[in-house]
N, C-alpha and C. Protein backbone atom coordinates (compact mmCIF):
# COMPACT_ATOMS: atom_id res chain seq x y z
N MET A 1 -13.46 6.69 -9.35
CA MET A 1 -14.50 5.76 -9.00
C MET A 1 -14.83 5.89 -7.49
N LEU A 2 -13.81 6.05 -6.66
CA LEU A 2 -14.03 6.20 -5.22
C LEU A 2 -14.78 7.50 -4.93
N LEU A 3 -14.39 8.57 -5.60
CA LEU A 3 -15.07 9.85 -5.41
C LEU A 3 -16.54 9.73 -5.80
N GLU A 4 -16.82 9.08 -6.91
CA GLU A 4 -18.22 8.88 -7.34
C GLU A 4 -18.99 8.07 -6.29
N PHE A 5 -18.37 7.01 -5.76
CA PHE A 5 -19.02 6.18 -4.75
C PHE A 5 -19.37 7.02 -3.52
N VAL A 6 -18.40 7.79 -3.04
CA VAL A 6 -18.63 8.62 -1.85
C VAL A 6 -19.73 9.64 -2.11
N LEU A 7 -19.69 10.29 -3.26
CA LEU A 7 -20.67 11.33 -3.55
C LEU A 7 -22.07 10.78 -3.79
N VAL A 8 -22.17 9.73 -4.57
CA VAL A 8 -23.49 9.22 -4.95
C VAL A 8 -24.07 8.28 -3.89
N ARG A 9 -23.29 7.28 -3.47
CA ARG A 9 -23.82 6.26 -2.56
C ARG A 9 -23.84 6.72 -1.10
N LEU A 10 -22.80 7.44 -0.65
CA LEU A 10 -22.75 7.85 0.75
C LEU A 10 -23.39 9.22 0.97
N ALA A 11 -23.01 10.18 0.14
CA ALA A 11 -23.52 11.54 0.34
C ALA A 11 -24.90 11.74 -0.25
N GLY A 12 -25.27 10.91 -1.24
CA GLY A 12 -26.58 11.06 -1.86
C GLY A 12 -26.64 12.21 -2.84
N LEU A 13 -25.49 12.63 -3.36
CA LEU A 13 -25.43 13.74 -4.30
C LEU A 13 -25.60 13.19 -5.72
N GLY A 14 -26.81 13.27 -6.24
CA GLY A 14 -27.05 12.80 -7.60
C GLY A 14 -26.20 13.58 -8.59
N GLY A 15 -25.60 12.90 -9.52
CA GLY A 15 -24.74 13.56 -10.48
C GLY A 15 -23.27 13.43 -10.15
N GLY A 16 -22.96 13.05 -8.92
CA GLY A 16 -21.58 12.78 -8.51
C GLY A 16 -20.64 13.96 -8.65
N ALA A 17 -19.42 13.65 -9.06
CA ALA A 17 -18.36 14.65 -9.13
C ALA A 17 -18.69 15.77 -10.11
N GLY A 18 -19.50 15.45 -11.11
CA GLY A 18 -19.87 16.46 -12.09
C GLY A 18 -20.61 17.64 -11.50
N VAL A 19 -21.34 17.43 -10.41
CA VAL A 19 -22.09 18.53 -9.80
C VAL A 19 -21.50 18.95 -8.45
N LEU A 20 -20.37 18.39 -8.06
CA LEU A 20 -19.77 18.74 -6.77
C LEU A 20 -19.43 20.22 -6.70
N ASP A 21 -18.86 20.77 -7.75
CA ASP A 21 -18.52 22.20 -7.75
C ASP A 21 -19.76 23.05 -7.57
N LEU A 22 -20.85 22.66 -8.22
CA LEU A 22 -22.10 23.41 -8.08
C LEU A 22 -22.67 23.28 -6.68
N ALA A 23 -22.66 22.04 -6.14
CA ALA A 23 -23.22 21.80 -4.81
C ALA A 23 -22.43 22.53 -3.74
N ALA A 24 -21.11 22.62 -3.93
CA ALA A 24 -20.26 23.27 -2.94
C ALA A 24 -20.06 24.74 -3.28
N ASP A 25 -20.80 25.26 -4.22
CA ASP A 25 -20.81 26.66 -4.61
C ASP A 25 -19.59 27.06 -5.43
N GLY A 26 -18.47 26.35 -5.28
CA GLY A 26 -17.29 26.62 -6.08
C GLY A 26 -16.70 28.00 -5.94
N VAL A 27 -17.12 28.77 -4.93
CA VAL A 27 -16.68 30.15 -4.79
C VAL A 27 -15.76 30.33 -3.60
N GLY A 28 -14.88 29.43 -3.36
CA GLY A 28 -13.95 29.59 -2.24
C GLY A 28 -14.36 28.75 -1.05
N VAL A 29 -13.44 28.66 -0.11
CA VAL A 29 -13.59 27.78 1.03
C VAL A 29 -14.73 28.18 1.94
N ASP A 30 -15.01 29.45 2.10
CA ASP A 30 -16.01 29.90 3.06
C ASP A 30 -17.40 30.09 2.47
N ALA A 31 -17.57 29.70 1.22
CA ALA A 31 -18.87 29.86 0.57
C ALA A 31 -19.91 28.95 1.23
N ILE A 32 -21.13 29.38 1.21
CA ILE A 32 -22.23 28.58 1.78
C ILE A 32 -22.62 27.52 0.76
N PRO A 33 -22.71 26.25 1.18
CA PRO A 33 -23.06 25.20 0.22
C PRO A 33 -24.49 25.35 -0.28
N VAL A 34 -24.68 25.03 -1.55
CA VAL A 34 -26.00 25.06 -2.15
C VAL A 34 -26.76 23.80 -1.76
N TRP A 35 -26.06 22.70 -1.59
CA TRP A 35 -26.65 21.41 -1.23
C TRP A 35 -25.85 20.83 -0.06
N CYS A 36 -26.53 20.21 0.88
CA CYS A 36 -25.83 19.61 2.03
C CYS A 36 -26.62 18.40 2.51
N ARG A 37 -25.90 17.39 3.01
CA ARG A 37 -26.55 16.22 3.59
C ARG A 37 -27.40 16.63 4.78
N ARG A 38 -28.45 15.86 5.03
CA ARG A 38 -29.27 16.12 6.22
C ARG A 38 -28.47 15.88 7.49
N ARG A 39 -27.73 14.77 7.48
CA ARG A 39 -26.88 14.43 8.62
C ARG A 39 -25.44 14.37 8.15
N PRO A 40 -24.51 14.81 8.97
CA PRO A 40 -23.10 14.72 8.57
C PRO A 40 -22.68 13.27 8.36
N CYS A 41 -21.69 13.07 7.52
CA CYS A 41 -21.19 11.73 7.20
C CYS A 41 -19.67 11.76 7.32
N THR A 42 -19.12 10.85 8.09
CA THR A 42 -17.66 10.75 8.21
C THR A 42 -17.22 9.47 7.53
N VAL A 43 -16.30 9.60 6.59
CA VAL A 43 -15.77 8.46 5.86
C VAL A 43 -14.37 8.19 6.41
N VAL A 44 -14.17 7.01 6.99
CA VAL A 44 -12.88 6.63 7.55
C VAL A 44 -12.07 5.94 6.46
N LEU A 45 -10.86 6.44 6.23
CA LEU A 45 -10.02 5.95 5.15
C LEU A 45 -8.65 5.55 5.68
N ASP A 46 -8.07 4.55 5.03
CA ASP A 46 -6.68 4.24 5.35
C ASP A 46 -5.83 4.95 4.30
N ASN A 47 -4.64 4.54 4.10
CA ASN A 47 -3.77 5.25 3.17
C ASN A 47 -3.59 4.51 1.85
N ALA A 48 -4.64 3.83 1.40
CA ALA A 48 -4.60 3.17 0.10
C ALA A 48 -4.40 4.24 -0.98
N SER A 49 -3.80 3.85 -2.07
CA SER A 49 -3.46 4.82 -3.11
C SER A 49 -4.68 5.60 -3.61
N SER A 50 -5.83 4.93 -3.74
CA SER A 50 -7.03 5.63 -4.21
C SER A 50 -7.55 6.63 -3.17
N HIS A 51 -7.29 6.37 -1.89
CA HIS A 51 -7.76 7.26 -0.83
C HIS A 51 -6.95 8.54 -0.75
N VAL A 52 -5.69 8.48 -1.15
CA VAL A 52 -4.83 9.66 -1.04
C VAL A 52 -4.55 10.30 -2.40
N ALA A 53 -5.22 9.81 -3.45
CA ALA A 53 -5.03 10.37 -4.79
C ALA A 53 -5.49 11.83 -4.81
N LYS A 54 -4.83 12.64 -5.62
CA LYS A 54 -5.17 14.06 -5.71
C LYS A 54 -6.62 14.27 -6.13
N ALA A 55 -7.11 13.41 -7.03
CA ALA A 55 -8.49 13.55 -7.52
C ALA A 55 -9.50 13.39 -6.39
N PHE A 56 -9.14 12.66 -5.36
CA PHE A 56 -10.04 12.43 -4.23
C PHE A 56 -9.72 13.37 -3.08
N LYS A 57 -8.49 13.33 -2.61
CA LYS A 57 -8.11 14.13 -1.45
C LYS A 57 -8.18 15.62 -1.73
N GLY A 58 -7.98 16.01 -3.00
CA GLY A 58 -8.05 17.42 -3.36
C GLY A 58 -9.45 18.00 -3.25
N ARG A 59 -10.44 17.15 -3.12
CA ARG A 59 -11.84 17.59 -2.99
C ARG A 59 -12.29 17.65 -1.53
N ARG A 60 -11.36 17.51 -0.60
CA ARG A 60 -11.69 17.43 0.83
C ARG A 60 -12.52 18.61 1.31
N ARG A 61 -12.14 19.83 0.94
CA ARG A 61 -12.88 21.02 1.39
C ARG A 61 -14.28 21.06 0.80
N GLN A 62 -14.40 20.70 -0.48
CA GLN A 62 -15.72 20.69 -1.09
C GLN A 62 -16.61 19.64 -0.43
N LEU A 63 -16.04 18.48 -0.16
CA LEU A 63 -16.81 17.43 0.51
C LEU A 63 -17.27 17.89 1.90
N ALA A 64 -16.38 18.56 2.63
CA ALA A 64 -16.74 19.05 3.97
C ALA A 64 -17.89 20.04 3.89
N LYS A 65 -17.91 20.86 2.86
CA LYS A 65 -18.97 21.85 2.72
C LYS A 65 -20.34 21.23 2.49
N ILE A 66 -20.38 20.04 1.91
CA ILE A 66 -21.68 19.40 1.69
C ILE A 66 -21.99 18.36 2.77
N GLY A 67 -21.16 18.31 3.83
CA GLY A 67 -21.46 17.44 4.96
C GLY A 67 -20.76 16.10 4.97
N VAL A 68 -19.68 15.94 4.19
CA VAL A 68 -18.93 14.69 4.16
C VAL A 68 -17.50 14.96 4.63
N GLU A 69 -17.16 14.44 5.80
CA GLU A 69 -15.81 14.60 6.34
C GLU A 69 -14.98 13.37 6.02
N LEU A 70 -13.71 13.58 5.67
CA LEU A 70 -12.78 12.49 5.44
C LEU A 70 -11.89 12.38 6.66
N PHE A 71 -11.81 11.18 7.25
CA PHE A 71 -10.96 10.94 8.42
C PHE A 71 -9.93 9.89 8.03
N TYR A 72 -8.67 10.26 8.05
CA TYR A 72 -7.60 9.34 7.64
C TYR A 72 -6.98 8.67 8.86
N LEU A 73 -6.91 7.34 8.83
CA LEU A 73 -6.24 6.58 9.89
C LEU A 73 -4.73 6.75 9.75
N PRO A 74 -4.00 6.58 10.84
CA PRO A 74 -2.53 6.62 10.74
C PRO A 74 -2.03 5.49 9.83
N ALA A 75 -0.89 5.72 9.23
CA ALA A 75 -0.30 4.71 8.35
C ALA A 75 0.02 3.44 9.14
N TYR A 76 -0.10 2.30 8.48
CA TYR A 76 0.25 0.99 9.06
C TYR A 76 -0.50 0.71 10.36
N SER A 77 -1.80 0.91 10.34
CA SER A 77 -2.59 0.65 11.55
C SER A 77 -3.90 -0.07 11.22
N PRO A 78 -3.82 -1.26 10.59
CA PRO A 78 -5.06 -1.97 10.24
C PRO A 78 -5.87 -2.37 11.48
N GLU A 79 -5.23 -2.46 12.64
CA GLU A 79 -5.96 -2.82 13.85
C GLU A 79 -6.96 -1.75 14.26
N LEU A 80 -6.79 -0.53 13.75
CA LEU A 80 -7.74 0.55 14.05
C LEU A 80 -8.93 0.55 13.11
N ASN A 81 -8.84 -0.23 12.06
CA ASN A 81 -9.87 -0.24 11.04
C ASN A 81 -10.69 -1.53 11.15
N ASP A 82 -11.78 -1.48 11.91
CA ASP A 82 -12.62 -2.66 12.15
C ASP A 82 -13.21 -3.25 10.87
N ILE A 83 -13.34 -2.44 9.85
CA ILE A 83 -13.96 -2.95 8.62
C ILE A 83 -13.05 -3.94 7.90
N GLU A 84 -11.75 -3.95 8.21
CA GLU A 84 -10.82 -4.86 7.53
C GLU A 84 -11.25 -6.32 7.67
N LEU A 85 -11.71 -6.71 8.86
CA LEU A 85 -12.18 -8.08 9.07
C LEU A 85 -13.41 -8.37 8.23
N VAL A 86 -14.35 -7.42 8.19
CA VAL A 86 -15.56 -7.61 7.40
C VAL A 86 -15.22 -7.72 5.92
N TRP A 87 -14.32 -6.85 5.42
CA TRP A 87 -13.90 -6.90 4.01
C TRP A 87 -13.27 -8.26 3.70
N ARG A 88 -12.40 -8.72 4.59
CA ARG A 88 -11.72 -10.00 4.35
C ARG A 88 -12.73 -11.14 4.25
N GLN A 89 -13.69 -11.16 5.18
CA GLN A 89 -14.70 -12.21 5.15
C GLN A 89 -15.59 -12.10 3.91
N ALA A 90 -15.98 -10.88 3.57
CA ALA A 90 -16.82 -10.69 2.39
C ALA A 90 -16.07 -11.10 1.13
N LYS A 91 -14.78 -10.79 1.07
CA LYS A 91 -13.98 -11.10 -0.12
C LYS A 91 -13.81 -12.60 -0.31
N TYR A 92 -13.49 -13.31 0.75
CA TYR A 92 -13.17 -14.73 0.60
C TYR A 92 -14.34 -15.67 0.82
N GLU A 93 -15.35 -15.27 1.60
CA GLU A 93 -16.48 -16.15 1.87
C GLU A 93 -17.71 -15.81 1.02
N ASP A 94 -17.94 -14.52 0.79
CA ASP A 94 -19.17 -14.10 0.12
C ASP A 94 -18.98 -13.70 -1.34
N TYR A 95 -17.74 -13.55 -1.77
CA TYR A 95 -17.45 -13.14 -3.15
C TYR A 95 -16.24 -13.90 -3.67
N PRO A 96 -16.30 -15.25 -3.59
CA PRO A 96 -15.13 -16.04 -3.96
C PRO A 96 -14.86 -16.09 -5.46
N GLN A 97 -15.90 -16.00 -6.29
CA GLN A 97 -15.70 -16.03 -7.74
C GLN A 97 -15.70 -14.61 -8.29
N ARG A 98 -14.59 -14.22 -8.85
CA ARG A 98 -14.46 -12.87 -9.40
C ARG A 98 -14.30 -12.96 -10.91
N THR A 99 -15.42 -13.21 -11.60
CA THR A 99 -15.36 -13.41 -13.04
C THR A 99 -16.11 -12.33 -13.81
N GLN A 100 -16.51 -11.25 -13.15
CA GLN A 100 -17.25 -10.19 -13.83
C GLN A 100 -16.30 -9.42 -14.75
N THR A 101 -16.85 -8.96 -15.86
CA THR A 101 -16.02 -8.27 -16.84
C THR A 101 -16.40 -6.81 -17.05
N THR A 102 -17.51 -6.36 -16.47
CA THR A 102 -17.89 -4.96 -16.63
C THR A 102 -18.02 -4.32 -15.25
N THR A 103 -17.87 -3.01 -15.21
CA THR A 103 -17.97 -2.29 -13.94
C THR A 103 -19.33 -2.47 -13.29
N PRO A 104 -20.45 -2.36 -14.03
CA PRO A 104 -21.75 -2.58 -13.38
C PRO A 104 -21.89 -4.00 -12.80
N ASP A 105 -21.36 -5.00 -13.51
CA ASP A 105 -21.43 -6.38 -13.00
C ASP A 105 -20.60 -6.53 -11.73
N ILE A 106 -19.45 -5.89 -11.68
CA ILE A 106 -18.62 -5.93 -10.47
C ILE A 106 -19.37 -5.27 -9.32
N GLY A 107 -19.99 -4.12 -9.60
CA GLY A 107 -20.76 -3.42 -8.56
C GLY A 107 -21.88 -4.28 -8.00
N LYS A 108 -22.60 -4.96 -8.90
CA LYS A 108 -23.71 -5.83 -8.46
C LYS A 108 -23.18 -6.99 -7.63
N ALA A 109 -22.07 -7.59 -8.05
CA ALA A 109 -21.50 -8.73 -7.32
C ALA A 109 -21.01 -8.29 -5.94
N VAL A 110 -20.38 -7.14 -5.86
CA VAL A 110 -19.90 -6.64 -4.57
C VAL A 110 -21.08 -6.31 -3.66
N ASP A 111 -22.11 -5.65 -4.21
CA ASP A 111 -23.31 -5.37 -3.41
C ASP A 111 -23.92 -6.65 -2.87
N LYS A 112 -23.99 -7.68 -3.72
CA LYS A 112 -24.55 -8.97 -3.32
C LYS A 112 -23.71 -9.60 -2.20
N ALA A 113 -22.37 -9.54 -2.34
CA ALA A 113 -21.47 -10.11 -1.32
C ALA A 113 -21.63 -9.37 0.00
N LEU A 114 -21.70 -8.04 -0.05
CA LEU A 114 -21.84 -7.27 1.19
C LEU A 114 -23.21 -7.48 1.82
N THR A 115 -24.24 -7.68 1.00
CA THR A 115 -25.56 -7.99 1.54
C THR A 115 -25.54 -9.34 2.26
N ARG A 116 -24.87 -10.32 1.65
CA ARG A 116 -24.72 -11.63 2.31
C ARG A 116 -24.00 -11.48 3.64
N ARG A 117 -22.91 -10.70 3.64
CA ARG A 117 -22.12 -10.50 4.87
C ARG A 117 -22.99 -9.82 5.92
N ARG A 118 -23.76 -8.80 5.52
CA ARG A 118 -24.65 -8.10 6.45
C ARG A 118 -25.67 -9.07 7.04
N ASP A 119 -26.25 -9.90 6.19
CA ASP A 119 -27.25 -10.86 6.67
C ASP A 119 -26.63 -11.86 7.65
N ARG A 120 -25.41 -12.28 7.39
CA ARG A 120 -24.73 -13.19 8.32
C ARG A 120 -24.45 -12.53 9.66
N ILE A 121 -24.06 -11.26 9.63
CA ILE A 121 -23.80 -10.53 10.87
C ILE A 121 -25.10 -10.38 11.66
N ARG A 122 -26.18 -10.04 10.96
CA ARG A 122 -27.48 -9.89 11.63
C ARG A 122 -27.95 -11.22 12.22
N ALA A 123 -27.79 -12.30 11.47
CA ALA A 123 -28.21 -13.62 11.97
C ALA A 123 -27.40 -14.00 13.20
N SER A 124 -26.12 -13.71 13.16
CA SER A 124 -25.26 -13.99 14.30
C SER A 124 -25.69 -13.20 15.53
N ALA A 125 -26.03 -11.94 15.32
CA ALA A 125 -26.50 -11.10 16.43
C ALA A 125 -27.82 -11.62 17.00
N ARG A 126 -28.73 -12.06 16.11
CA ARG A 126 -30.00 -12.63 16.58
C ARG A 126 -29.77 -13.90 17.39
N ASN A 127 -28.90 -14.77 16.90
CA ASN A 127 -28.59 -16.00 17.61
C ASN A 127 -27.99 -15.72 18.98
N PHE A 128 -27.11 -14.74 19.02
CA PHE A 128 -26.47 -14.37 20.28
C PHE A 128 -27.51 -13.83 21.26
N THR A 129 -28.42 -13.00 20.76
CA THR A 129 -29.46 -12.42 21.61
C THR A 129 -30.40 -13.50 22.14
N GLN A 130 -30.77 -14.45 21.27
CA GLN A 130 -31.65 -15.53 21.69
C GLN A 130 -30.98 -16.42 22.72
N ALA A 131 -29.69 -16.66 22.55
CA ALA A 131 -28.95 -17.50 23.48
C ALA A 131 -28.86 -16.84 24.86
N ALA A 132 -28.76 -15.53 24.86
CA ALA A 132 -28.65 -14.80 26.13
C ALA A 132 -29.97 -14.84 26.84
């Protein structure tokens, strides 16, 4: 699921993991990619089990060939990961009811929670700018 999210939502590779081999040419590490992002994308990861799973981490070279770099934070260093605060706030303030039963419903609810969090951050920045 994480690999699909990175490929489809972040990299913009329609078809996800199913077409990753084709996009990355599948002909060895030095092959020229058939498809590549317009701008490089760096995904910062901690050491959660899904981030270090073979199904995900084993695709690191293919991802790099299409313009997606994986950057792993050192173990036990949440202070280096600024998104942890945003996730915590989104989880407890913007997504307090977790009653969805299907994957698409969960995705919609998470998108809605993150949109709320984004809007709150933007409103806060506007208020701060106006106060200054």
